Structure formats: structure tokens, C-alpha cells
Amino acid sequence: MKLAVIFPGVGYHTDKPLLYYSKKLAKEYGFEVRELTYGSSKGTFRGTREEMQQAFDSALVQIETELQDIDFSKYEELLFISKSLGTAVAPTFARKHHLTAHNIYYTPVTESLDYMKQEGIVFTGTSDPFANMEILKQGCEKLGLPLYITEQGNHSLETCNVLDDIKHLSVIMHHTKNYIESISEANSKEGWL
């Protein structure tokens, strides 16, 4: 059995493009999908450091409740798909519960690097005001995380041009599909040994 858990951002719910298409891809590869919400998160991930910490703490409390009914031990494969705030929340939850997950990290804020200790792939945009591009590049290289960059992409990996956004989304989903496919194939091969 395989489980994909979707960790959204504050204001970027699971029906927005990056997460909507990612969860569809996960389903195509046989993952059961669990979508999280943070409800009325205290603080904002766009404010001061203290407000960001409040949003993070609030999200962690809420997902503990949302995921308390899942017996993670019955899943052979875990995939965490996260966006913004979720890129810090997902690995923190995994570490707290001694879980090993594959990760798709969409638009992590610079501070998320402190939490992103499990393998995965990372997507960012050159116009994301919440990510320092040089620090993110160096951090991903140090952690061994492939980094895919959308030129002029904002925090949603969008630009000011809808048709360009559709092209960028296609490229992002191509990389996402390849990653999900690679972890699914690796698991299949291990099952034959």
C-alpha cells in the first residue's frame, strides 16, 4: 500500500494547480491520497518571523489531529507533497513520528531548509519573495536535493503570462511525474528481490 499526504501552504489549498495535479499524478501511480487543511491558522507565513512561527506551530497542531487515525506502519511507500509552509511542516511531522517519506517540496521559504532533511525534489521561482535564491541553491546542493527553477516564477510558480504559466506547469508536472514514477519503480524492483 502507498500513501501520499498533501501538505498545503497558507492560502494555497490542495485544489490549486501545483497540488491539484500532483495529487492526480500520485493517484495514477496507485497512491491513496490524504489532503490536509490548516483551518484557521494563527499567524501568517508572510509576516514577521514570529508570525511565521505561529503559523508553523498552529499547522503542526492541526495536522496531528488530522493524521491521528492513520496507521503509517501499514504503508510500504510514503510520499509527502508540500507547498510553502508545508515544506517545513511535512518533514517536522515525519521526524517526530519516525517516518521516512519521499518528498516533493514546492516553493519552500528559505527557513524551510532547516527542516528539509529527507530526500526529495525541490521547485522554486526566481521571483519568489519568500526564498533567497542563493541560499536555497546552496542548501539544496548541500542536502543533495535536485532543484528545479522557474524563471520569473513567483511563490505559486506563476508569472504574469497565463500561457507561459501553463507551459511552466507542464514542465513542473513532468518532473513531478518522473519523480513519482522513479520511486514507484524502485519499490517494484525491491519487491522482486
N, C-alpha and C. Protein backbone atom coordinates (compact mmCIF):
# COMPACT_ATOMS: atom_id res chain seq x y z
N MET A 1 0.84 -1.19 0.00
CA MET A 1 0.00 0.00 0.00
C MET A 1 0.88 1.25 0.00
N LYS A 2 0.38 2.28 -0.67
CA LYS A 2 1.13 3.53 -0.80
C LYS A 2 0.25 4.70 -0.38
N LEU A 3 0.84 5.66 0.32
CA LEU A 3 0.09 6.82 0.79
C LEU A 3 0.83 8.10 0.41
N ALA A 4 0.08 9.04 -0.16
CA ALA A 4 0.60 10.38 -0.42
C ALA A 4 -0.18 11.34 0.48
N VAL A 5 0.54 12.17 1.21
CA VAL A 5 -0.09 13.18 2.06
C VAL A 5 0.24 14.54 1.49
N ILE A 6 -0.80 15.36 1.31
CA ILE A 6 -0.64 16.68 0.71
C ILE A 6 -0.65 17.73 1.82
N PHE A 7 0.48 18.44 1.97
CA PHE A 7 0.64 19.49 2.97
C PHE A 7 0.59 20.84 2.25
N PRO A 8 -0.54 21.53 2.31
CA PRO A 8 -0.67 22.79 1.55
C PRO A 8 0.10 23.93 2.19
N GLY A 9 0.03 25.08 1.55
CA GLY A 9 0.56 26.30 2.12
C GLY A 9 -0.59 27.06 2.76
N VAL A 10 -0.28 28.14 3.43
CA VAL A 10 -1.32 29.01 3.96
C VAL A 10 -1.90 29.76 2.77
N GLY A 11 -3.15 29.57 2.48
CA GLY A 11 -3.78 30.24 1.33
C GLY A 11 -3.57 29.50 0.02
N TYR A 12 -2.78 28.45 0.01
CA TYR A 12 -2.59 27.67 -1.21
C TYR A 12 -3.09 26.26 -0.90
N HIS A 13 -4.39 26.07 -1.15
CA HIS A 13 -5.04 24.81 -0.80
C HIS A 13 -4.79 23.74 -1.86
N THR A 14 -5.29 22.56 -1.61
CA THR A 14 -4.98 21.40 -2.45
C THR A 14 -5.70 21.37 -3.79
N ASP A 15 -6.56 22.34 -4.05
CA ASP A 15 -7.19 22.42 -5.36
C ASP A 15 -6.56 23.49 -6.25
N LYS A 16 -5.45 24.06 -5.81
CA LYS A 16 -4.70 24.98 -6.66
C LYS A 16 -3.75 24.15 -7.52
N PRO A 17 -3.31 24.69 -8.66
CA PRO A 17 -2.64 23.89 -9.70
C PRO A 17 -1.53 22.95 -9.26
N LEU A 18 -0.53 23.41 -8.52
CA LEU A 18 0.60 22.54 -8.18
C LEU A 18 0.15 21.31 -7.40
N LEU A 19 -0.70 21.52 -6.42
CA LEU A 19 -1.13 20.40 -5.58
C LEU A 19 -2.23 19.59 -6.23
N TYR A 20 -3.11 20.24 -6.98
CA TYR A 20 -4.19 19.54 -7.67
C TYR A 20 -3.64 18.49 -8.64
N TYR A 21 -2.70 18.92 -9.48
CA TYR A 21 -2.15 17.99 -10.47
C TYR A 21 -1.19 16.98 -9.84
N SER A 22 -0.50 17.37 -8.80
CA SER A 22 0.38 16.42 -8.11
C SER A 22 -0.40 15.28 -7.49
N LYS A 23 -1.53 15.61 -6.86
CA LYS A 23 -2.32 14.54 -6.24
C LYS A 23 -2.93 13.64 -7.30
N LYS A 24 -3.27 14.19 -8.47
CA LYS A 24 -3.77 13.35 -9.56
C LYS A 24 -2.68 12.39 -10.04
N LEU A 25 -1.46 12.88 -10.15
CA LEU A 25 -0.34 12.02 -10.54
C LEU A 25 -0.11 10.93 -9.51
N ALA A 26 -0.16 11.30 -8.24
CA ALA A 26 0.03 10.30 -7.18
C ALA A 26 -1.03 9.20 -7.29
N LYS A 27 -2.27 9.59 -7.54
CA LYS A 27 -3.34 8.60 -7.70
C LYS A 27 -3.08 7.70 -8.90
N GLU A 28 -2.57 8.27 -9.99
CA GLU A 28 -2.27 7.47 -11.18
C GLU A 28 -1.24 6.38 -10.87
N TYR A 29 -0.36 6.64 -9.91
CA TYR A 29 0.66 5.66 -9.55
C TYR A 29 0.27 4.83 -8.33
N GLY A 30 -1.02 4.81 -8.04
CA GLY A 30 -1.54 3.91 -7.03
C GLY A 30 -1.44 4.37 -5.59
N PHE A 31 -1.18 5.65 -5.39
CA PHE A 31 -1.12 6.17 -4.03
C PHE A 31 -2.53 6.53 -3.55
N GLU A 32 -2.84 6.13 -2.34
CA GLU A 32 -4.01 6.66 -1.64
C GLU A 32 -3.62 8.08 -1.27
N VAL A 33 -4.52 9.04 -1.41
CA VAL A 33 -4.17 10.44 -1.17
C VAL A 33 -4.94 10.98 0.03
N ARG A 34 -4.21 11.62 0.92
CA ARG A 34 -4.81 12.29 2.09
C ARG A 34 -4.46 13.76 1.99
N GLU A 35 -5.48 14.60 1.90
CA GLU A 35 -5.29 16.05 1.78
C GLU A 35 -5.49 16.71 3.14
N LEU A 36 -4.58 17.59 3.51
CA LEU A 36 -4.66 18.28 4.79
C LEU A 36 -5.16 19.70 4.59
N THR A 37 -5.72 20.24 5.66
CA THR A 37 -6.08 21.67 5.70
C THR A 37 -5.57 22.20 7.03
N TYR A 38 -5.27 23.47 7.06
CA TYR A 38 -4.79 24.06 8.31
C TYR A 38 -5.87 24.88 8.99
N GLY A 39 -7.05 24.92 8.40
CA GLY A 39 -8.15 25.65 9.04
C GLY A 39 -7.77 27.09 9.30
N SER A 40 -8.13 27.55 10.46
CA SER A 40 -7.82 28.94 10.83
C SER A 40 -6.44 28.98 11.47
N SER A 41 -5.44 29.01 10.64
CA SER A 41 -4.06 29.04 11.12
C SER A 41 -3.76 30.38 11.78
N LYS A 42 -3.17 30.32 12.96
CA LYS A 42 -2.77 31.56 13.64
C LYS A 42 -1.52 32.09 12.98
N GLY A 43 -1.51 33.37 12.75
CA GLY A 43 -0.35 33.98 12.13
C GLY A 43 -0.40 33.84 10.62
N THR A 44 0.61 34.36 9.99
CA THR A 44 0.71 34.30 8.53
C THR A 44 2.12 33.91 8.15
N PHE A 45 2.26 33.21 7.08
CA PHE A 45 3.60 32.82 6.65
C PHE A 45 4.24 33.93 5.84
N ARG A 46 3.59 35.07 5.78
CA ARG A 46 4.14 36.19 5.02
C ARG A 46 4.52 37.35 5.92
N GLY A 47 4.37 37.18 7.22
CA GLY A 47 4.63 38.28 8.13
C GLY A 47 6.00 38.23 8.74
N THR A 48 6.05 38.64 9.99
CA THR A 48 7.31 38.65 10.72
C THR A 48 7.72 37.22 11.04
N ARG A 49 8.92 37.07 11.52
CA ARG A 49 9.43 35.75 11.91
C ARG A 49 8.53 35.13 12.99
N GLU A 50 8.07 35.96 13.92
CA GLU A 50 7.19 35.47 14.99
C GLU A 50 5.85 34.99 14.42
N GLU A 51 5.29 35.73 13.46
CA GLU A 51 4.03 35.33 12.84
C GLU A 51 4.21 34.03 12.04
N MET A 52 5.35 33.91 11.39
CA MET A 52 5.64 32.69 10.64
C MET A 52 5.73 31.50 11.60
N GLN A 53 6.37 31.71 12.75
CA GLN A 53 6.48 30.64 13.74
C GLN A 53 5.11 30.25 14.27
N GLN A 54 4.23 31.24 14.49
CA GLN A 54 2.87 30.97 14.94
C GLN A 54 2.11 30.13 13.91
N ALA A 55 2.24 30.48 12.64
CA ALA A 55 1.55 29.74 11.58
C ALA A 55 2.07 28.30 11.53
N PHE A 56 3.38 28.14 11.65
CA PHE A 56 4.01 26.82 11.65
C PHE A 56 3.51 25.98 12.83
N ASP A 57 3.56 26.56 14.03
CA ASP A 57 3.12 25.84 15.23
C ASP A 57 1.64 25.46 15.14
N SER A 58 0.83 26.38 14.67
CA SER A 58 -0.61 26.13 14.53
C SER A 58 -0.87 25.00 13.54
N ALA A 59 -0.16 25.03 12.41
CA ALA A 59 -0.34 23.98 11.39
C ALA A 59 0.08 22.61 11.94
N LEU A 60 1.16 22.56 12.69
CA LEU A 60 1.61 21.29 13.28
C LEU A 60 0.56 20.70 14.21
N VAL A 61 -0.04 21.53 15.04
CA VAL A 61 -1.08 21.06 15.96
C VAL A 61 -2.27 20.52 15.17
N GLN A 62 -2.66 21.24 14.14
CA GLN A 62 -3.83 20.82 13.35
C GLN A 62 -3.59 19.52 12.60
N ILE A 63 -2.38 19.33 12.04
CA ILE A 63 -2.17 18.08 11.28
C ILE A 63 -2.03 16.88 12.20
N GLU A 64 -1.57 17.10 13.41
CA GLU A 64 -1.53 15.99 14.38
C GLU A 64 -2.94 15.41 14.53
N THR A 65 -3.93 16.29 14.62
CA THR A 65 -5.32 15.86 14.76
C THR A 65 -5.80 15.21 13.46
N GLU A 66 -5.48 15.82 12.33
CA GLU A 66 -5.95 15.30 11.04
C GLU A 66 -5.35 13.94 10.69
N LEU A 67 -4.15 13.67 11.16
CA LEU A 67 -3.47 12.43 10.79
C LEU A 67 -3.46 11.37 11.90
N GLN A 68 -4.12 11.65 13.00
CA GLN A 68 -4.05 10.74 14.14
C GLN A 68 -4.66 9.37 13.86
N ASP A 69 -5.56 9.27 12.89
CA ASP A 69 -6.22 7.99 12.60
C ASP A 69 -5.46 7.13 11.60
N ILE A 70 -4.34 7.60 11.11
CA ILE A 70 -3.59 6.84 10.10
C ILE A 70 -2.56 5.93 10.76
N ASP A 71 -2.60 4.66 10.39
CA ASP A 71 -1.58 3.72 10.82
C ASP A 71 -0.51 3.70 9.73
N PHE A 72 0.51 4.52 9.89
CA PHE A 72 1.54 4.66 8.86
C PHE A 72 2.31 3.37 8.65
N SER A 73 2.35 2.49 9.62
CA SER A 73 3.12 1.25 9.50
C SER A 73 2.56 0.31 8.44
N LYS A 74 1.32 0.50 8.03
CA LYS A 74 0.74 -0.40 7.02
C LYS A 74 1.10 0.01 5.59
N TYR A 75 1.77 1.16 5.44
CA TYR A 75 2.14 1.64 4.11
C TYR A 75 3.59 1.31 3.79
N GLU A 76 3.80 0.73 2.62
CA GLU A 76 5.15 0.41 2.17
C GLU A 76 5.86 1.64 1.62
N GLU A 77 5.08 2.59 1.15
CA GLU A 77 5.64 3.77 0.49
C GLU A 77 4.89 5.02 0.97
N LEU A 78 5.65 6.03 1.41
CA LEU A 78 5.08 7.31 1.81
C LEU A 78 5.61 8.40 0.91
N LEU A 79 4.71 9.25 0.45
CA LEU A 79 5.08 10.41 -0.37
C LEU A 79 4.44 11.63 0.27
N PHE A 80 5.25 12.61 0.63
CA PHE A 80 4.75 13.87 1.17
C PHE A 80 4.92 14.93 0.08
N ILE A 81 3.81 15.54 -0.30
CA ILE A 81 3.82 16.62 -1.29
C ILE A 81 3.48 17.89 -0.54
N SER A 82 4.41 18.84 -0.53
CA SER A 82 4.23 20.02 0.31
C SER A 82 4.45 21.31 -0.46
N LYS A 83 3.81 22.36 0.05
CA LYS A 83 3.89 23.69 -0.56
C LYS A 83 4.15 24.72 0.52
N SER A 84 5.15 25.56 0.34
CA SER A 84 5.44 26.70 1.21
C SER A 84 5.54 26.30 2.68
N LEU A 85 4.61 26.70 3.51
CA LEU A 85 4.59 26.33 4.93
C LEU A 85 4.68 24.81 5.08
N GLY A 86 4.02 24.09 4.20
CA GLY A 86 4.03 22.63 4.25
C GLY A 86 5.41 22.03 4.10
N THR A 87 6.34 22.74 3.45
CA THR A 87 7.69 22.21 3.26
C THR A 87 8.48 22.17 4.56
N ALA A 88 8.03 22.89 5.57
CA ALA A 88 8.62 22.79 6.91
C ALA A 88 7.79 21.84 7.77
N VAL A 89 6.48 21.87 7.61
CA VAL A 89 5.58 21.06 8.43
C VAL A 89 5.75 19.56 8.12
N ALA A 90 5.79 19.20 6.84
CA ALA A 90 5.87 17.78 6.45
C ALA A 90 7.10 17.08 7.03
N PRO A 91 8.32 17.61 6.85
CA PRO A 91 9.47 16.91 7.42
C PRO A 91 9.51 16.93 8.94
N THR A 92 8.93 17.96 9.54
CA THR A 92 8.86 18.01 11.00
C THR A 92 7.95 16.90 11.52
N PHE A 93 6.80 16.73 10.86
CA PHE A 93 5.89 15.65 11.23
C PHE A 93 6.56 14.29 11.04
N ALA A 94 7.26 14.12 9.92
CA ALA A 94 7.94 12.85 9.65
C ALA A 94 8.97 12.55 10.72
N ARG A 95 9.78 13.53 11.06
CA ARG A 95 10.81 13.32 12.07
C ARG A 95 10.19 12.98 13.43
N LYS A 96 9.16 13.71 13.81
CA LYS A 96 8.52 13.48 15.11
C LYS A 96 7.95 12.07 15.22
N HIS A 97 7.45 11.53 14.09
CA HIS A 97 6.81 10.22 14.11
C HIS A 97 7.71 9.12 13.54
N HIS A 98 8.99 9.44 13.33
CA HIS A 98 9.98 8.46 12.86
C HIS A 98 9.54 7.83 11.53
N LEU A 99 9.08 8.69 10.62
CA LEU A 99 8.63 8.24 9.30
C LEU A 99 9.68 8.61 8.25
N THR A 100 9.83 7.74 7.28
CA THR A 100 10.68 8.04 6.14
C THR A 100 9.77 8.21 4.94
N ALA A 101 9.83 9.40 4.34
CA ALA A 101 8.95 9.70 3.20
C ALA A 101 9.79 10.25 2.05
N HIS A 102 9.29 10.04 0.85
CA HIS A 102 9.81 10.73 -0.32
C HIS A 102 9.10 12.08 -0.31
N ASN A 103 9.76 13.11 -0.81
CA ASN A 103 9.19 14.45 -0.71
C ASN A 103 9.24 15.22 -2.02
N ILE A 104 8.14 15.92 -2.27
CA ILE A 104 8.10 16.92 -3.33
C ILE A 104 7.88 18.24 -2.61
N TYR A 105 8.90 19.10 -2.64
CA TYR A 105 8.87 20.37 -1.93
C TYR A 105 8.61 21.49 -2.95
N TYR A 106 7.39 22.06 -2.94
CA TYR A 106 7.08 23.18 -3.81
C TYR A 106 7.28 24.49 -3.06
N THR A 107 8.03 25.38 -3.64
CA THR A 107 8.30 26.74 -3.17
C THR A 107 8.57 26.84 -1.67
N PRO A 108 9.62 26.18 -1.19
CA PRO A 108 9.96 26.35 0.23
C PRO A 108 10.43 27.77 0.49
N VAL A 109 10.07 28.29 1.65
CA VAL A 109 10.66 29.55 2.09
C VAL A 109 12.08 29.22 2.54
N THR A 110 12.92 30.21 2.60
CA THR A 110 14.32 29.98 2.94
C THR A 110 14.46 29.20 4.25
N GLU A 111 13.63 29.52 5.24
CA GLU A 111 13.72 28.87 6.55
C GLU A 111 13.39 27.38 6.50
N SER A 112 12.69 26.94 5.47
CA SER A 112 12.33 25.52 5.36
C SER A 112 13.56 24.63 5.22
N LEU A 113 14.66 25.17 4.72
CA LEU A 113 15.88 24.37 4.56
C LEU A 113 16.32 23.73 5.87
N ASP A 114 16.02 24.38 6.98
CA ASP A 114 16.39 23.83 8.28
C ASP A 114 15.64 22.54 8.59
N TYR A 115 14.52 22.29 7.91
CA TYR A 115 13.67 21.13 8.19
C TYR A 115 13.76 20.05 7.12
N MET A 116 14.15 20.41 5.92
CA MET A 116 14.09 19.51 4.76
C MET A 116 15.27 18.53 4.78
N LYS A 117 15.22 17.55 5.65
CA LYS A 117 16.33 16.61 5.82
C LYS A 117 16.10 15.27 5.13
N GLN A 118 14.89 15.02 4.63
CA GLN A 118 14.63 13.76 3.92
C GLN A 118 14.73 13.99 2.42
N GLU A 119 14.99 12.90 1.69
CA GLU A 119 15.20 13.03 0.25
C GLU A 119 13.95 13.55 -0.45
N GLY A 120 14.19 14.11 -1.63
CA GLY A 120 13.08 14.62 -2.42
C GLY A 120 13.57 15.49 -3.55
N ILE A 121 12.63 16.25 -4.12
CA ILE A 121 12.95 17.23 -5.15
C ILE A 121 12.32 18.56 -4.74
N VAL A 122 12.90 19.66 -5.25
CA VAL A 122 12.50 21.00 -4.83
C VAL A 122 12.20 21.84 -6.06
N PHE A 123 11.15 22.66 -5.95
CA PHE A 123 10.78 23.59 -7.01
C PHE A 123 10.70 25.00 -6.43
N THR A 124 11.27 25.97 -7.16
CA THR A 124 11.21 27.37 -6.73
C THR A 124 11.15 28.26 -7.96
N GLY A 125 10.90 29.54 -7.73
CA GLY A 125 10.86 30.52 -8.81
C GLY A 125 11.83 31.65 -8.52
N THR A 126 12.37 32.25 -9.57
CA THR A 126 13.35 33.32 -9.38
C THR A 126 12.73 34.60 -8.82
N SER A 127 11.41 34.73 -8.90
CA SER A 127 10.74 35.93 -8.37
C SER A 127 9.94 35.63 -7.11
N ASP A 128 10.31 34.57 -6.41
CA ASP A 128 9.63 34.23 -5.16
C ASP A 128 10.17 35.13 -4.05
N PRO A 129 9.33 36.01 -3.51
CA PRO A 129 9.82 36.95 -2.49
C PRO A 129 10.12 36.28 -1.14
N PHE A 130 9.74 35.01 -0.97
CA PHE A 130 9.93 34.34 0.31
C PHE A 130 11.11 33.37 0.29
N ALA A 131 11.86 33.37 -0.81
CA ALA A 131 13.01 32.47 -0.91
C ALA A 131 14.23 33.25 -1.40
N ASN A 132 15.31 33.11 -0.67
CA ASN A 132 16.58 33.68 -1.11
C ASN A 132 17.20 32.65 -2.05
N MET A 133 17.27 33.00 -3.32
CA MET A 133 17.68 32.05 -4.35
C MET A 133 19.07 31.46 -4.09
N GLU A 134 20.02 32.27 -3.72
CA GLU A 134 21.37 31.75 -3.50
C GLU A 134 21.43 30.80 -2.30
N ILE A 135 20.76 31.17 -1.22
CA ILE A 135 20.74 30.30 -0.04
C ILE A 135 20.02 28.99 -0.37
N LEU A 136 18.93 29.09 -1.12
CA LEU A 136 18.17 27.89 -1.50
C LEU A 136 19.01 26.98 -2.39
N LYS A 137 19.70 27.55 -3.36
CA LYS A 137 20.57 26.75 -4.24
C LYS A 137 21.65 26.03 -3.43
N GLN A 138 22.33 26.78 -2.58
CA GLN A 138 23.40 26.20 -1.76
C GLN A 138 22.86 25.13 -0.82
N GLY A 139 21.72 25.43 -0.20
CA GLY A 139 21.12 24.48 0.74
C GLY A 139 20.71 23.18 0.06
N CYS A 140 20.08 23.30 -1.11
CA CYS A 140 19.66 22.10 -1.84
C CYS A 140 20.87 21.28 -2.29
N GLU A 141 21.92 21.97 -2.73
CA GLU A 141 23.13 21.26 -3.14
C GLU A 141 23.73 20.51 -1.95
N LYS A 142 23.80 21.17 -0.81
CA LYS A 142 24.36 20.56 0.40
C LYS A 142 23.52 19.35 0.84
N LEU A 143 22.20 19.45 0.70
CA LEU A 143 21.30 18.37 1.12
C LEU A 143 21.13 17.30 0.04
N GLY A 144 21.67 17.54 -1.15
CA GLY A 144 21.53 16.57 -2.24
C GLY A 144 20.13 16.53 -2.82
N LEU A 145 19.44 17.67 -2.78
CA LEU A 145 18.08 17.76 -3.30
C LEU A 145 18.08 18.44 -4.67
N PRO A 146 17.63 17.73 -5.72
CA PRO A 146 17.54 18.38 -7.02
C PRO A 146 16.62 19.61 -6.95
N LEU A 147 17.05 20.71 -7.54
CA LEU A 147 16.30 21.96 -7.51
C LEU A 147 15.90 22.35 -8.93
N TYR A 148 14.59 22.55 -9.13
CA TYR A 148 14.06 22.98 -10.42
C TYR A 148 13.57 24.41 -10.27
N ILE A 149 14.07 25.27 -11.15
CA ILE A 149 13.81 26.71 -11.02
C ILE A 149 12.95 27.19 -12.20
N THR A 150 11.86 27.89 -11.86
CA THR A 150 11.01 28.52 -12.86
C THR A 150 11.42 29.98 -12.97
N GLU A 151 11.92 30.36 -14.14
CA GLU A 151 12.34 31.75 -14.35
C GLU A 151 11.13 32.67 -14.21
N GLN A 152 11.30 33.72 -13.43
CA GLN A 152 10.29 34.73 -13.14
C GLN A 152 9.07 34.16 -12.41
N GLY A 153 9.19 32.95 -11.89
CA GLY A 153 8.09 32.36 -11.14
C GLY A 153 7.99 32.96 -9.75
N ASN A 154 6.76 33.25 -9.34
CA ASN A 154 6.54 33.80 -8.00
C ASN A 154 6.36 32.66 -6.99
N HIS A 155 5.77 32.94 -5.86
CA HIS A 155 5.63 31.93 -4.80
C HIS A 155 4.65 30.82 -5.19
N SER A 156 3.87 31.04 -6.24
CA SER A 156 2.99 30.00 -6.78
C SER A 156 3.55 29.42 -8.07
N LEU A 157 4.79 29.79 -8.38
CA LEU A 157 5.48 29.42 -9.62
C LEU A 157 4.73 29.92 -10.84
N GLU A 158 4.11 31.07 -10.70
CA GLU A 158 3.40 31.71 -11.80
C GLU A 158 4.09 33.01 -12.17
N THR A 159 3.88 33.41 -13.43
CA THR A 159 4.41 34.67 -13.93
C THR A 159 3.21 35.56 -14.24
N CYS A 160 3.41 36.59 -15.00
CA CYS A 160 2.29 37.47 -15.36
C CYS A 160 1.66 37.07 -16.69
N ASN A 161 2.03 35.89 -17.21
CA ASN A 161 1.53 35.47 -18.51
C ASN A 161 0.89 34.08 -18.38
N VAL A 162 -0.41 34.01 -18.60
CA VAL A 162 -1.16 32.76 -18.40
C VAL A 162 -0.62 31.63 -19.28
N LEU A 163 -0.37 31.91 -20.56
CA LEU A 163 0.10 30.84 -21.45
C LEU A 163 1.49 30.34 -21.04
N ASP A 164 2.35 31.26 -20.59
CA ASP A 164 3.65 30.83 -20.07
C ASP A 164 3.48 29.99 -18.81
N ASP A 165 2.52 30.38 -17.97
CA ASP A 165 2.27 29.64 -16.74
C ASP A 165 1.85 28.20 -17.04
N ILE A 166 1.04 28.04 -18.07
CA ILE A 166 0.60 26.69 -18.45
C ILE A 166 1.79 25.86 -18.93
N LYS A 167 2.68 26.48 -19.70
CA LYS A 167 3.89 25.78 -20.16
C LYS A 167 4.77 25.40 -18.97
N HIS A 168 4.96 26.34 -18.05
CA HIS A 168 5.79 26.08 -16.86
C HIS A 168 5.17 24.95 -16.03
N LEU A 169 3.84 25.00 -15.87
CA LEU A 169 3.16 23.97 -15.08
C LEU A 169 3.36 22.59 -15.72
N SER A 170 3.34 22.54 -17.03
CA SER A 170 3.56 21.28 -17.74
C SER A 170 4.96 20.73 -17.44
N VAL A 171 5.97 21.60 -17.45
CA VAL A 171 7.34 21.18 -17.15
C VAL A 171 7.45 20.71 -15.70
N ILE A 172 6.86 21.46 -14.79
CA ILE A 172 6.89 21.12 -13.36
C ILE A 172 6.23 19.76 -13.14
N MET A 173 5.08 19.54 -13.77
CA MET A 173 4.38 18.27 -13.59
C MET A 173 5.12 17.11 -14.27
N HIS A 174 5.86 17.41 -15.32
CA HIS A 174 6.69 16.38 -15.96
C HIS A 174 7.76 15.90 -14.97
N HIS A 175 8.43 16.85 -14.30
CA HIS A 175 9.44 16.48 -13.29
C HIS A 175 8.80 15.76 -12.11
N THR A 176 7.63 16.23 -11.72
CA THR A 176 6.91 15.60 -10.61
C THR A 176 6.54 14.17 -10.97
N LYS A 177 6.03 13.97 -12.16
CA LYS A 177 5.65 12.62 -12.63
C LYS A 177 6.88 11.70 -12.66
N ASN A 178 7.98 12.21 -13.20
CA ASN A 178 9.20 11.39 -13.26
C ASN A 178 9.66 10.97 -11.87
N TYR A 179 9.55 11.87 -10.92
CA TYR A 179 9.96 11.56 -9.55
C TYR A 179 9.04 10.49 -8.95
N ILE A 180 7.74 10.68 -9.07
CA ILE A 180 6.79 9.70 -8.53
C ILE A 180 6.98 8.35 -9.21
N GLU A 181 7.18 8.38 -10.50
CA GLU A 181 7.40 7.15 -11.26
C GLU A 181 8.68 6.45 -10.79
N SER A 182 9.74 7.23 -10.54
CA SER A 182 11.02 6.63 -10.14
C SER A 182 10.92 5.97 -8.77
N ILE A 183 10.19 6.58 -7.84
CA ILE A 183 10.08 5.94 -6.52
C ILE A 183 9.15 4.73 -6.59
N SER A 184 8.17 4.78 -7.47
CA SER A 184 7.28 3.63 -7.64
C SER A 184 8.03 2.46 -8.26
N GLU A 185 8.86 2.75 -9.27
CA GLU A 185 9.64 1.69 -9.93
C GLU A 185 10.68 1.11 -8.99
N ALA A 186 11.32 1.97 -8.20
CA ALA A 186 12.34 1.48 -7.26
C ALA A 186 11.70 0.53 -6.26
N ASN A 187 10.52 0.84 -5.81
CA ASN A 187 9.82 -0.02 -4.87
C ASN A 187 9.42 -1.35 -5.51
N SER A 188 9.01 -1.29 -6.79
CA SER A 188 8.61 -2.51 -7.50
C SER A 188 9.80 -3.44 -7.65
N LYS A 189 10.96 -2.89 -8.01
CA LYS A 189 12.17 -3.70 -8.17
C LYS A 189 12.60 -4.33 -6.87
N GLU A 190 12.50 -3.57 -5.78
CA GLU A 190 12.88 -4.11 -4.47
C GLU A 190 11.98 -5.27 -4.09
N GLY A 191 10.72 -5.20 -4.52
CA GLY A 191 9.77 -6.26 -4.21
C GLY A 191 10.12 -7.57 -4.90
N TRP A 192 10.88 -7.50 -5.99
CA TRP A 192 11.24 -8.73 -6.75
C TRP A 192 12.48 -9.41 -6.19
N LEU A 193 13.23 -8.71 -5.34
CA LEU A 193 14.47 -9.29 -4.83
C LEU A 193 14.22 -10.33 -3.75
